[in-house]
Amino acid sequence: MEITVQYFDGCPNWETAAERVAMIAAERSDLTVKRQRVATQANAEALDFRGSPTLLLEGAALFPAPDAPPGLSCRVYLTPNGLAGSPTLEQLRDAIAHAEAAAV
């Protein structure tokens, strides 16, 4: 399975998310990680990119944000410790497990 970390260069949070995804991928031989830079507003709209970082598992958002407009903006995630620029490791593991269970 492939996890894609979508980001834009102006976002300070995507690297934290990418590091956390890489940590999970290191634990699991069935996961590969891809990074996808979103460079322009037109690119964001074409990809339905709803902010950085966006995390996709096999092309589906692990943390959907249907109310956020597509664009070059930073995302905020609700974590157990409050708002943050990326989900926690545990949130990522849970989201991946939930997506896998839904695919069965």
N, C-alpha and C. Protein backbone atom coordinates (compact mmCIF):
# COMPACT_ATOMS: atom_id res chain seq x y z
N MET A 1 0.84 -1.18 0.00
CA MET A 1 0.00 0.00 0.00
C MET A 1 0.88 1.24 0.00
N GLU A 2 0.35 2.29 -0.59
CA GLU A 2 1.12 3.52 -0.71
C GLU A 2 0.47 4.65 0.08
N ILE A 3 1.28 5.31 0.89
CA ILE A 3 0.85 6.52 1.58
C ILE A 3 1.51 7.69 0.87
N THR A 4 0.70 8.66 0.49
CA THR A 4 1.22 9.86 -0.16
C THR A 4 1.10 11.03 0.80
N VAL A 5 2.20 11.74 0.97
CA VAL A 5 2.22 12.96 1.76
C VAL A 5 2.20 14.12 0.77
N GLN A 6 1.05 14.78 0.69
CA GLN A 6 0.93 15.95 -0.19
C GLN A 6 1.26 17.19 0.63
N TYR A 7 2.01 18.13 0.01
CA TYR A 7 2.43 19.32 0.74
C TYR A 7 2.72 20.45 -0.23
N PHE A 8 2.86 21.65 0.32
CA PHE A 8 3.40 22.75 -0.47
C PHE A 8 4.56 23.35 0.31
N ASP A 9 5.47 23.97 -0.41
CA ASP A 9 6.73 24.43 0.18
C ASP A 9 6.56 25.41 1.33
N GLY A 10 5.50 26.18 1.37
CA GLY A 10 5.32 27.17 2.42
C GLY A 10 4.81 26.62 3.74
N CYS A 11 4.53 25.35 3.81
CA CYS A 11 3.97 24.74 5.02
C CYS A 11 5.10 24.23 5.93
N PRO A 12 5.14 24.69 7.18
CA PRO A 12 6.18 24.22 8.09
C PRO A 12 5.89 22.85 8.72
N ASN A 13 4.70 22.31 8.49
CA ASN A 13 4.29 21.09 9.21
C ASN A 13 4.42 19.80 8.42
N TRP A 14 4.61 19.89 7.12
CA TRP A 14 4.58 18.67 6.32
C TRP A 14 5.74 17.74 6.64
N GLU A 15 6.89 18.29 7.01
CA GLU A 15 8.04 17.43 7.30
C GLU A 15 7.80 16.57 8.54
N THR A 16 7.12 17.13 9.55
CA THR A 16 6.78 16.35 10.74
C THR A 16 5.86 15.19 10.36
N ALA A 17 4.85 15.49 9.56
CA ALA A 17 3.94 14.43 9.11
C ALA A 17 4.69 13.38 8.30
N ALA A 18 5.58 13.82 7.41
CA ALA A 18 6.35 12.87 6.59
C ALA A 18 7.24 11.99 7.46
N GLU A 19 7.85 12.57 8.49
CA GLU A 19 8.69 11.78 9.40
C GLU A 19 7.85 10.73 10.14
N ARG A 20 6.67 11.11 10.57
CA ARG A 20 5.80 10.16 11.29
C ARG A 20 5.33 9.04 10.37
N VAL A 21 4.98 9.39 9.16
CA VAL A 21 4.57 8.37 8.19
C VAL A 21 5.74 7.43 7.90
N ALA A 22 6.94 7.98 7.77
CA ALA A 22 8.12 7.15 7.52
C ALA A 22 8.39 6.20 8.68
N MET A 23 8.14 6.65 9.91
CA MET A 23 8.32 5.78 11.08
C MET A 23 7.37 4.59 11.02
N ILE A 24 6.13 4.85 10.63
CA ILE A 24 5.15 3.77 10.52
C ILE A 24 5.53 2.83 9.37
N ALA A 25 5.95 3.39 8.25
CA ALA A 25 6.35 2.56 7.11
C ALA A 25 7.55 1.69 7.46
N ALA A 26 8.44 2.17 8.32
CA ALA A 26 9.60 1.38 8.73
C ALA A 26 9.18 0.16 9.56
N GLU A 27 8.02 0.24 10.18
CA GLU A 27 7.50 -0.87 10.98
C GLU A 27 6.74 -1.89 10.13
N ARG A 28 6.38 -1.50 8.92
CA ARG A 28 5.52 -2.34 8.08
C ARG A 28 6.09 -2.45 6.68
N SER A 29 6.36 -3.66 6.27
CA SER A 29 6.93 -3.88 4.94
C SER A 29 5.92 -3.66 3.81
N ASP A 30 4.63 -3.61 4.15
CA ASP A 30 3.61 -3.45 3.11
C ASP A 30 3.30 -1.99 2.79
N LEU A 31 3.95 -1.05 3.45
CA LEU A 31 3.70 0.37 3.20
C LEU A 31 4.89 1.03 2.52
N THR A 32 4.59 1.81 1.50
CA THR A 32 5.61 2.66 0.88
C THR A 32 5.14 4.10 1.01
N VAL A 33 6.08 5.01 1.01
CA VAL A 33 5.76 6.42 1.19
C VAL A 33 6.19 7.20 -0.05
N LYS A 34 5.30 8.06 -0.49
CA LYS A 34 5.57 8.95 -1.63
C LYS A 34 5.28 10.38 -1.17
N ARG A 35 6.09 11.30 -1.60
CA ARG A 35 5.85 12.72 -1.34
C ARG A 35 5.39 13.38 -2.63
N GLN A 36 4.39 14.24 -2.51
CA GLN A 36 3.87 14.93 -3.69
C GLN A 36 3.79 16.43 -3.39
N ARG A 37 4.65 17.19 -4.03
CA ARG A 37 4.66 18.64 -3.86
C ARG A 37 3.56 19.25 -4.72
N VAL A 38 2.78 20.11 -4.12
CA VAL A 38 1.72 20.83 -4.82
C VAL A 38 2.23 22.26 -5.00
N ALA A 39 2.43 22.66 -6.25
CA ALA A 39 3.15 23.91 -6.51
C ALA A 39 2.27 25.13 -6.76
N THR A 40 1.07 24.93 -7.29
CA THR A 40 0.24 26.08 -7.67
C THR A 40 -1.20 25.88 -7.22
N GLN A 41 -1.95 26.97 -7.22
CA GLN A 41 -3.37 26.88 -6.89
C GLN A 41 -4.09 25.99 -7.90
N ALA A 42 -3.74 26.11 -9.17
CA ALA A 42 -4.37 25.27 -10.19
C ALA A 42 -4.07 23.80 -9.93
N ASN A 43 -2.85 23.51 -9.54
CA ASN A 43 -2.46 22.14 -9.19
C ASN A 43 -3.26 21.65 -7.99
N ALA A 44 -3.42 22.52 -6.98
CA ALA A 44 -4.19 22.17 -5.79
C ALA A 44 -5.63 21.84 -6.16
N GLU A 45 -6.22 22.63 -7.03
CA GLU A 45 -7.60 22.38 -7.44
C GLU A 45 -7.71 21.09 -8.24
N ALA A 46 -6.76 20.84 -9.12
CA ALA A 46 -6.80 19.62 -9.93
C ALA A 46 -6.66 18.37 -9.07
N LEU A 47 -5.88 18.47 -7.99
CA LEU A 47 -5.66 17.33 -7.09
C LEU A 47 -6.68 17.25 -5.96
N ASP A 48 -7.55 18.26 -5.86
CA ASP A 48 -8.47 18.38 -4.73
C ASP A 48 -7.69 18.41 -3.41
N PHE A 49 -6.57 19.14 -3.44
CA PHE A 49 -5.66 19.27 -2.31
C PHE A 49 -6.25 20.26 -1.31
N ARG A 50 -6.54 19.77 -0.11
CA ARG A 50 -7.25 20.57 0.88
C ARG A 50 -6.35 21.05 2.01
N GLY A 51 -5.10 21.26 1.69
CA GLY A 51 -4.18 21.82 2.67
C GLY A 51 -3.03 20.89 2.99
N SER A 52 -1.98 21.48 3.52
CA SER A 52 -0.73 20.77 3.78
C SER A 52 -0.52 20.56 5.28
N PRO A 53 -0.16 19.37 5.66
CA PRO A 53 -0.02 18.17 4.86
C PRO A 53 -1.34 17.43 4.71
N THR A 54 -1.56 16.87 3.53
CA THR A 54 -2.66 15.95 3.30
C THR A 54 -2.06 14.56 3.15
N LEU A 55 -2.67 13.59 3.80
CA LEU A 55 -2.15 12.22 3.82
C LEU A 55 -3.15 11.30 3.14
N LEU A 56 -2.69 10.61 2.11
CA LEU A 56 -3.54 9.72 1.33
C LEU A 56 -3.06 8.28 1.47
N LEU A 57 -3.98 7.36 1.61
CA LEU A 57 -3.66 5.93 1.57
C LEU A 57 -4.32 5.38 0.33
N GLU A 58 -3.51 4.93 -0.62
CA GLU A 58 -4.02 4.44 -1.90
C GLU A 58 -4.93 5.47 -2.56
N GLY A 59 -4.57 6.74 -2.42
CA GLY A 59 -5.31 7.82 -3.06
C GLY A 59 -6.48 8.38 -2.29
N ALA A 60 -6.84 7.77 -1.17
CA ALA A 60 -7.97 8.24 -0.36
C ALA A 60 -7.45 8.96 0.89
N ALA A 61 -8.08 10.08 1.21
CA ALA A 61 -7.64 10.87 2.36
C ALA A 61 -7.81 10.10 3.66
N LEU A 62 -6.73 10.05 4.44
CA LEU A 62 -6.80 9.43 5.77
C LEU A 62 -7.55 10.32 6.74
N PHE A 63 -7.49 11.62 6.53
CA PHE A 63 -8.18 12.60 7.37
C PHE A 63 -8.94 13.55 6.46
N PRO A 64 -10.11 13.13 5.98
CA PRO A 64 -10.86 13.96 5.03
C PRO A 64 -11.19 15.34 5.62
N ALA A 65 -11.18 16.33 4.76
CA ALA A 65 -11.54 17.69 5.14
C ALA A 65 -12.49 18.24 4.09
N PRO A 66 -13.70 17.69 4.01
CA PRO A 66 -14.61 18.05 2.92
C PRO A 66 -15.04 19.52 2.91
N ASP A 67 -14.97 20.18 4.06
CA ASP A 67 -15.39 21.58 4.12
C ASP A 67 -14.27 22.56 3.78
N ALA A 68 -13.05 22.08 3.73
CA ALA A 68 -11.91 22.95 3.40
C ALA A 68 -11.83 23.12 1.88
N PRO A 69 -11.65 24.34 1.43
CA PRO A 69 -11.52 24.53 -0.02
C PRO A 69 -10.15 24.07 -0.50
N PRO A 70 -10.06 23.59 -1.73
CA PRO A 70 -8.75 23.24 -2.28
C PRO A 70 -7.86 24.48 -2.35
N GLY A 71 -6.59 24.32 -1.99
CA GLY A 71 -5.69 25.46 -2.07
C GLY A 71 -4.40 25.26 -1.31
N LEU A 72 -3.52 26.22 -1.48
CA LEU A 72 -2.20 26.20 -0.84
C LEU A 72 -2.31 26.82 0.54
N SER A 73 -2.72 26.02 1.50
CA SER A 73 -2.86 26.47 2.88
C SER A 73 -2.37 25.36 3.80
N CYS A 74 -2.10 25.72 5.04
CA CYS A 74 -1.70 24.72 6.03
C CYS A 74 -2.96 24.15 6.68
N ARG A 75 -2.91 22.85 6.94
CA ARG A 75 -4.01 22.19 7.63
C ARG A 75 -3.77 22.20 9.13
N VAL A 76 -4.85 22.06 9.88
CA VAL A 76 -4.78 21.91 11.33
C VAL A 76 -5.49 20.63 11.68
N TYR A 77 -4.88 19.84 12.55
CA TYR A 77 -5.44 18.57 12.99
C TYR A 77 -5.79 18.66 14.47
N LEU A 78 -6.93 18.11 14.84
CA LEU A 78 -7.31 18.02 16.24
C LEU A 78 -6.65 16.77 16.82
N THR A 79 -5.76 16.96 17.79
CA THR A 79 -5.05 15.85 18.42
C THR A 79 -5.48 15.78 19.89
N PRO A 80 -5.11 14.73 20.60
CA PRO A 80 -5.43 14.65 22.03
C PRO A 80 -4.86 15.81 22.84
N ASN A 81 -3.82 16.46 22.33
CA ASN A 81 -3.20 17.59 23.02
C ASN A 81 -3.65 18.94 22.48
N GLY A 82 -4.68 18.94 21.64
CA GLY A 82 -5.17 20.18 21.05
C GLY A 82 -4.85 20.24 19.56
N LEU A 83 -4.92 21.43 19.01
CA LEU A 83 -4.68 21.61 17.58
C LEU A 83 -3.19 21.51 17.28
N ALA A 84 -2.89 20.87 16.15
CA ALA A 84 -1.50 20.70 15.73
C ALA A 84 -1.42 20.70 14.21
N GLY A 85 -0.23 20.89 13.70
CA GLY A 85 -0.02 20.94 12.26
C GLY A 85 0.04 19.59 11.58
N SER A 86 0.06 18.53 12.36
CA SER A 86 0.05 17.17 11.80
C SER A 86 -0.54 16.22 12.83
N PRO A 87 -1.10 15.10 12.36
CA PRO A 87 -1.65 14.12 13.31
C PRO A 87 -0.53 13.42 14.08
N THR A 88 -0.89 12.88 15.24
CA THR A 88 0.07 12.14 16.05
C THR A 88 0.34 10.78 15.41
N LEU A 89 1.39 10.13 15.88
CA LEU A 89 1.68 8.77 15.41
C LEU A 89 0.49 7.85 15.65
N GLU A 90 -0.10 7.93 16.83
CA GLU A 90 -1.23 7.07 17.15
C GLU A 90 -2.43 7.36 16.25
N GLN A 91 -2.69 8.63 15.97
CA GLN A 91 -3.78 8.97 15.05
C GLN A 91 -3.51 8.41 13.66
N LEU A 92 -2.27 8.48 13.22
CA LEU A 92 -1.92 7.92 11.91
C LEU A 92 -2.12 6.41 11.89
N ARG A 93 -1.63 5.74 12.91
CA ARG A 93 -1.82 4.28 12.98
C ARG A 93 -3.30 3.92 12.97
N ASP A 94 -4.09 4.64 13.76
CA ASP A 94 -5.54 4.37 13.82
C ASP A 94 -6.21 4.62 12.47
N ALA A 95 -5.85 5.71 11.81
CA ALA A 95 -6.45 6.04 10.52
C ALA A 95 -6.10 4.99 9.46
N ILE A 96 -4.87 4.52 9.48
CA ILE A 96 -4.46 3.47 8.53
C ILE A 96 -5.22 2.18 8.81
N ALA A 97 -5.31 1.80 10.08
CA ALA A 97 -6.04 0.58 10.45
C ALA A 97 -7.51 0.69 10.06
N HIS A 98 -8.10 1.84 10.28
CA HIS A 98 -9.51 2.05 9.92
C HIS A 98 -9.70 1.95 8.40
N ALA A 99 -8.80 2.56 7.65
CA ALA A 99 -8.89 2.50 6.18
C ALA A 99 -8.71 1.07 5.68
N GLU A 100 -7.80 0.33 6.30
CA GLU A 100 -7.60 -1.06 5.90
C GLU A 100 -8.83 -1.90 6.20
N ALA A 101 -9.43 -1.70 7.36
CA ALA A 101 -10.63 -2.46 7.74
C ALA A 101 -11.80 -2.13 6.81
N ALA A 102 -11.91 -0.88 6.42
CA ALA A 102 -13.00 -0.47 5.53
C ALA A 102 -12.83 -1.04 4.13
N ALA A 103 -11.59 -1.33 3.75
CA ALA A 103 -11.31 -1.85 2.41
C ALA A 103 -11.58 -3.34 2.30
N VAL A 104 -11.76 -4.00 3.42
CA VAL A 104 -11.96 -5.46 3.40
C VAL A 104 -13.38 -5.80 3.06
